[in-house]
């Protein structure tokens, strides 16, 4: 049961984080999204709240996976972090290519 619920929490976290990237890129389509390092830009409150909610889902899922697997359960954060990072990188790449063409 913990495996199923932990996996569902991780999936919900991944979807929520991807949704936050979509909301952020739709609200400011011509601005970069700061990912790991960089100057934070003022985004929409909805995007920030989705990020907080997604991270809470991920922490809950990671807690359950740690209960099941032990320390390697921390790697379950990558399930939702990597798609969020790739979506942000694709958005920033599109912005960079548009600025080169213009």
N, C-alpha and C. Protein backbone atom coordinates (compact mmCIF):
# COMPACT_ATOMS: atom_id res chain seq x y z
N UNK A 1 0.81 -1.18 0.00
CA UNK A 1 0.00 0.00 0.00
C UNK A 1 0.86 1.26 0.00
N UNK A 2 1.96 1.22 0.77
CA UNK A 2 2.86 2.37 0.80
C UNK A 2 3.51 2.61 -0.56
N UNK A 3 3.80 1.53 -1.26
CA UNK A 3 4.41 1.67 -2.59
C UNK A 3 3.46 2.39 -3.53
N UNK A 4 2.21 2.01 -3.53
CA UNK A 4 1.22 2.63 -4.40
C UNK A 4 1.00 4.09 -4.03
N UNK A 5 0.80 4.36 -2.75
CA UNK A 5 0.53 5.72 -2.32
C UNK A 5 1.76 6.62 -2.52
N UNK A 6 2.95 6.10 -2.24
CA UNK A 6 4.17 6.88 -2.48
C UNK A 6 4.37 7.18 -3.95
N UNK A 7 4.07 6.20 -4.80
CA UNK A 7 4.20 6.41 -6.25
C UNK A 7 3.18 7.43 -6.74
N UNK A 8 1.96 7.36 -6.22
CA UNK A 8 0.94 8.32 -6.61
C UNK A 8 1.30 9.74 -6.16
N UNK A 9 1.88 9.85 -4.97
CA UNK A 9 2.32 11.17 -4.51
C UNK A 9 3.44 11.71 -5.39
N UNK A 10 4.38 10.86 -5.77
CA UNK A 10 5.46 11.30 -6.65
C UNK A 10 4.92 11.72 -8.02
N UNK A 11 3.98 10.96 -8.54
CA UNK A 11 3.38 11.31 -9.83
C UNK A 11 2.62 12.62 -9.74
N UNK A 12 1.87 12.81 -8.66
CA UNK A 12 1.14 14.07 -8.46
C UNK A 12 2.12 15.24 -8.35
N UNK A 13 3.24 15.02 -7.68
CA UNK A 13 4.26 16.06 -7.57
C UNK A 13 4.86 16.41 -8.92
N UNK A 14 5.15 15.40 -9.73
CA UNK A 14 5.72 15.65 -11.05
C UNK A 14 4.74 16.42 -11.93
N UNK A 15 3.49 16.02 -11.91
CA UNK A 15 2.48 16.71 -12.73
C UNK A 15 2.30 18.14 -12.26
N UNK A 16 2.28 18.35 -10.95
CA UNK A 16 2.10 19.70 -10.41
C UNK A 16 3.29 20.59 -10.76
N UNK A 17 4.50 20.06 -10.69
CA UNK A 17 5.67 20.86 -11.05
C UNK A 17 5.68 21.20 -12.54
N UNK A 18 5.29 20.24 -13.38
CA UNK A 18 5.21 20.54 -14.82
C UNK A 18 4.13 21.56 -15.10
N UNK A 19 3.04 21.50 -14.36
CA UNK A 19 1.97 22.47 -14.50
C UNK A 19 2.47 23.87 -14.11
N UNK A 20 3.32 23.94 -13.09
CA UNK A 20 3.85 25.24 -12.67
C UNK A 20 4.74 25.84 -13.76
N UNK A 21 5.51 25.01 -14.45
CA UNK A 21 6.33 25.51 -15.55
C UNK A 21 5.43 26.03 -16.67
N UNK A 22 4.36 25.31 -16.95
CA UNK A 22 3.43 25.76 -17.99
C UNK A 22 2.78 27.09 -17.62
N UNK A 23 2.34 27.22 -16.38
CA UNK A 23 1.71 28.46 -15.93
C UNK A 23 2.71 29.61 -15.97
N UNK A 24 3.93 29.36 -15.53
CA UNK A 24 4.95 30.39 -15.52
C UNK A 24 5.33 30.82 -16.93
N UNK A 25 5.46 29.87 -17.84
CA UNK A 25 5.83 30.23 -19.21
C UNK A 25 4.67 30.87 -19.95
N UNK A 26 3.44 30.55 -19.58
CA UNK A 26 2.29 31.20 -20.22
C UNK A 26 2.10 32.63 -19.72
N UNK A 27 2.42 32.88 -18.45
CA UNK A 27 2.25 34.22 -17.92
C UNK A 27 3.33 35.18 -18.41
N UNK A 28 4.53 34.67 -18.61
CA UNK A 28 5.63 35.49 -19.12
C UNK A 28 6.36 34.71 -20.21
N UNK A 29 5.79 34.69 -21.42
CA UNK A 29 6.37 33.83 -22.47
C UNK A 29 7.73 34.30 -22.99
N UNK A 30 8.11 35.53 -22.72
CA UNK A 30 9.37 36.04 -23.25
C UNK A 30 10.46 36.14 -22.19
N UNK A 31 10.24 35.59 -21.02
CA UNK A 31 11.24 35.64 -19.95
C UNK A 31 11.73 34.24 -19.61
N UNK A 32 13.00 34.19 -19.24
CA UNK A 32 13.60 32.92 -18.84
C UNK A 32 13.07 32.49 -17.49
N UNK A 33 13.07 31.19 -17.26
CA UNK A 33 12.70 30.63 -15.96
C UNK A 33 14.00 30.28 -15.25
N UNK A 34 14.29 30.91 -14.10
CA UNK A 34 15.51 30.54 -13.38
C UNK A 34 15.35 29.15 -12.78
N UNK A 35 16.30 28.28 -13.07
CA UNK A 35 16.17 26.90 -12.63
C UNK A 35 16.97 26.64 -11.36
N UNK A 36 18.23 26.37 -11.48
CA UNK A 36 19.02 26.04 -10.30
C UNK A 36 19.74 27.27 -9.75
N UNK A 37 20.37 28.00 -10.63
CA UNK A 37 21.10 29.21 -10.26
C UNK A 37 20.61 30.34 -11.15
N UNK A 38 20.77 31.51 -10.70
CA UNK A 38 20.39 32.65 -11.51
C UNK A 38 19.53 33.62 -10.72
N UNK A 39 19.30 34.75 -11.31
CA UNK A 39 18.50 35.77 -10.66
C UNK A 39 17.03 35.41 -10.76
N UNK A 40 16.36 35.31 -9.64
CA UNK A 40 14.93 34.98 -9.71
C UNK A 40 14.13 36.14 -10.28
N UNK A 41 13.22 35.83 -11.16
CA UNK A 41 12.34 36.84 -11.72
C UNK A 41 10.98 36.72 -11.04
N UNK A 42 10.25 37.78 -11.09
CA UNK A 42 8.93 37.78 -10.46
C UNK A 42 7.99 36.99 -11.34
N UNK A 43 7.52 35.87 -10.85
CA UNK A 43 6.58 35.04 -11.59
C UNK A 43 5.18 35.19 -11.05
N UNK A 44 4.30 34.38 -11.52
CA UNK A 44 2.93 34.46 -11.05
C UNK A 44 2.78 33.73 -9.71
N UNK A 45 1.85 34.17 -8.91
CA UNK A 45 1.63 33.53 -7.62
C UNK A 45 1.11 32.11 -7.79
N UNK A 46 0.35 31.89 -8.86
CA UNK A 46 -0.18 30.55 -9.10
C UNK A 46 0.96 29.57 -9.37
N UNK A 47 1.96 30.01 -10.14
CA UNK A 47 3.10 29.14 -10.44
C UNK A 47 3.88 28.81 -9.16
N UNK A 48 4.07 29.82 -8.31
CA UNK A 48 4.78 29.57 -7.06
C UNK A 48 4.00 28.62 -6.15
N UNK A 49 2.69 28.82 -6.07
CA UNK A 49 1.90 27.94 -5.21
C UNK A 49 1.87 26.51 -5.76
N UNK A 50 1.88 26.36 -7.07
CA UNK A 50 1.95 25.02 -7.66
C UNK A 50 3.30 24.37 -7.36
N UNK A 51 4.37 25.15 -7.36
CA UNK A 51 5.68 24.60 -7.03
C UNK A 51 5.72 24.14 -5.58
N UNK A 52 5.15 24.94 -4.69
CA UNK A 52 5.12 24.55 -3.28
C UNK A 52 4.31 23.28 -3.10
N UNK A 53 3.13 23.22 -3.73
CA UNK A 53 2.29 22.04 -3.62
C UNK A 53 2.98 20.81 -4.20
N UNK A 54 3.61 20.97 -5.36
CA UNK A 54 4.33 19.85 -5.98
C UNK A 54 5.47 19.35 -5.12
N UNK A 55 6.19 20.28 -4.49
CA UNK A 55 7.29 19.86 -3.62
C UNK A 55 6.78 19.18 -2.36
N UNK A 56 5.63 19.61 -1.86
CA UNK A 56 5.05 18.91 -0.70
C UNK A 56 4.64 17.49 -1.07
N UNK A 57 4.04 17.33 -2.25
CA UNK A 57 3.71 15.98 -2.73
C UNK A 57 4.97 15.13 -2.83
N UNK A 58 6.03 15.71 -3.39
CA UNK A 58 7.28 14.97 -3.56
C UNK A 58 7.90 14.58 -2.24
N UNK A 59 7.87 15.48 -1.26
CA UNK A 59 8.44 15.14 0.04
C UNK A 59 7.64 14.04 0.72
N UNK A 60 6.32 14.08 0.59
CA UNK A 60 5.49 13.02 1.16
C UNK A 60 5.77 11.68 0.49
N UNK A 61 5.87 11.68 -0.84
CA UNK A 61 6.18 10.45 -1.55
C UNK A 61 7.57 9.94 -1.23
N UNK A 62 8.52 10.87 -1.11
CA UNK A 62 9.88 10.47 -0.77
C UNK A 62 9.93 9.87 0.63
N UNK A 63 9.18 10.43 1.57
CA UNK A 63 9.14 9.89 2.92
C UNK A 63 8.64 8.44 2.91
N UNK A 64 7.60 8.18 2.14
CA UNK A 64 7.09 6.81 2.07
C UNK A 64 8.10 5.88 1.41
N UNK A 65 8.76 6.36 0.37
CA UNK A 65 9.76 5.52 -0.29
C UNK A 65 10.97 5.27 0.60
N UNK A 66 11.32 6.23 1.45
CA UNK A 66 12.41 6.01 2.40
C UNK A 66 12.01 4.95 3.42
N UNK A 67 10.73 4.95 3.82
CA UNK A 67 10.25 3.93 4.75
C UNK A 67 10.33 2.53 4.13
N UNK A 68 10.15 2.46 2.81
CA UNK A 68 10.17 1.17 2.12
C UNK A 68 11.60 0.72 1.82
N UNK A 69 12.39 1.60 1.18
CA UNK A 69 13.69 1.22 0.65
C UNK A 69 14.87 1.63 1.51
N UNK A 70 14.67 2.54 2.42
CA UNK A 70 15.79 3.07 3.17
C UNK A 70 16.35 4.31 2.47
N UNK A 71 17.64 4.54 2.64
CA UNK A 71 18.28 5.73 2.09
C UNK A 71 18.14 5.88 0.57
N UNK A 72 18.17 4.80 -0.23
CA UNK A 72 18.00 4.99 -1.67
C UNK A 72 16.63 5.56 -2.06
N UNK A 73 15.69 5.63 -1.15
CA UNK A 73 14.39 6.23 -1.44
C UNK A 73 14.48 7.71 -1.76
N UNK A 74 15.58 8.34 -1.36
CA UNK A 74 15.77 9.76 -1.68
C UNK A 74 15.87 9.96 -3.19
N UNK A 75 16.33 8.95 -3.89
CA UNK A 75 16.46 9.06 -5.35
C UNK A 75 15.10 9.21 -6.04
N UNK A 76 14.02 8.95 -5.33
CA UNK A 76 12.70 9.12 -5.92
C UNK A 76 12.39 10.59 -6.21
N UNK A 77 13.13 11.51 -5.61
CA UNK A 77 12.94 12.92 -5.94
C UNK A 77 13.27 13.19 -7.39
N UNK A 78 14.16 12.39 -7.97
CA UNK A 78 14.52 12.59 -9.37
C UNK A 78 13.35 12.32 -10.32
N UNK A 79 12.40 11.52 -9.85
CA UNK A 79 11.23 11.19 -10.68
C UNK A 79 10.50 12.46 -11.09
N UNK A 80 10.41 13.42 -10.20
CA UNK A 80 9.70 14.64 -10.54
C UNK A 80 10.63 15.82 -10.81
N UNK A 81 11.83 15.78 -10.29
CA UNK A 81 12.75 16.89 -10.50
C UNK A 81 13.27 16.94 -11.92
N UNK A 82 13.60 15.81 -12.50
CA UNK A 82 14.18 15.78 -13.85
C UNK A 82 13.20 16.29 -14.91
N UNK A 83 11.92 15.88 -14.91
CA UNK A 83 11.00 16.46 -15.91
C UNK A 83 10.81 17.96 -15.73
N UNK A 84 10.78 18.44 -14.49
CA UNK A 84 10.65 19.88 -14.25
C UNK A 84 11.86 20.62 -14.80
N UNK A 85 13.04 20.08 -14.56
CA UNK A 85 14.27 20.69 -15.04
C UNK A 85 14.30 20.70 -16.57
N UNK A 86 13.93 19.59 -17.19
CA UNK A 86 13.92 19.53 -18.66
C UNK A 86 12.90 20.49 -19.27
N UNK A 87 11.73 20.61 -18.66
CA UNK A 87 10.72 21.53 -19.18
C UNK A 87 11.21 22.97 -19.08
N UNK A 88 11.84 23.32 -17.98
CA UNK A 88 12.40 24.66 -17.84
C UNK A 88 13.53 24.92 -18.82
N UNK A 89 14.38 23.91 -19.04
CA UNK A 89 15.47 24.07 -20.00
C UNK A 89 14.94 24.24 -21.42
N UNK A 90 13.90 23.49 -21.77
CA UNK A 90 13.31 23.65 -23.11
C UNK A 90 12.69 25.03 -23.29
N UNK A 91 12.03 25.54 -22.26
CA UNK A 91 11.47 26.88 -22.33
C UNK A 91 12.57 27.92 -22.51
N UNK A 92 13.64 27.81 -21.71
CA UNK A 92 14.74 28.76 -21.81
C UNK A 92 15.45 28.67 -23.15
N UNK A 93 15.53 27.46 -23.70
CA UNK A 93 16.16 27.30 -25.02
C UNK A 93 15.32 27.96 -26.11
N UNK A 94 13.99 27.83 -25.98
CA UNK A 94 13.11 28.48 -26.95
C UNK A 94 13.24 30.00 -26.87
N UNK A 95 13.37 30.53 -25.68
CA UNK A 95 13.57 31.97 -25.49
C UNK A 95 14.88 32.42 -26.12
N UNK A 96 15.94 31.65 -25.90
CA UNK A 96 17.25 32.00 -26.44
C UNK A 96 17.25 31.96 -27.97
N UNK A 97 16.59 30.96 -28.55
CA UNK A 97 16.52 30.88 -30.01
C UNK A 97 15.69 31.99 -30.60
N UNK A 98 14.64 32.38 -29.91
CA UNK A 98 13.79 33.49 -30.40
C UNK A 98 14.55 34.80 -30.34
N UNK A 99 15.41 34.99 -29.34
CA UNK A 99 16.17 36.24 -29.25
C UNK A 99 17.28 36.29 -30.30
N UNK A 100 17.78 35.13 -30.75
CA UNK A 100 18.79 35.12 -31.81
C UNK A 100 18.18 35.45 -33.16
N UNK A 101 16.96 35.00 -33.38
CA UNK A 101 16.28 35.24 -34.66
C UNK A 101 15.86 36.69 -34.76
N UNK A 102 15.40 37.26 -33.69
CA UNK A 102 14.89 38.65 -33.70
C UNK A 102 15.98 39.66 -33.74
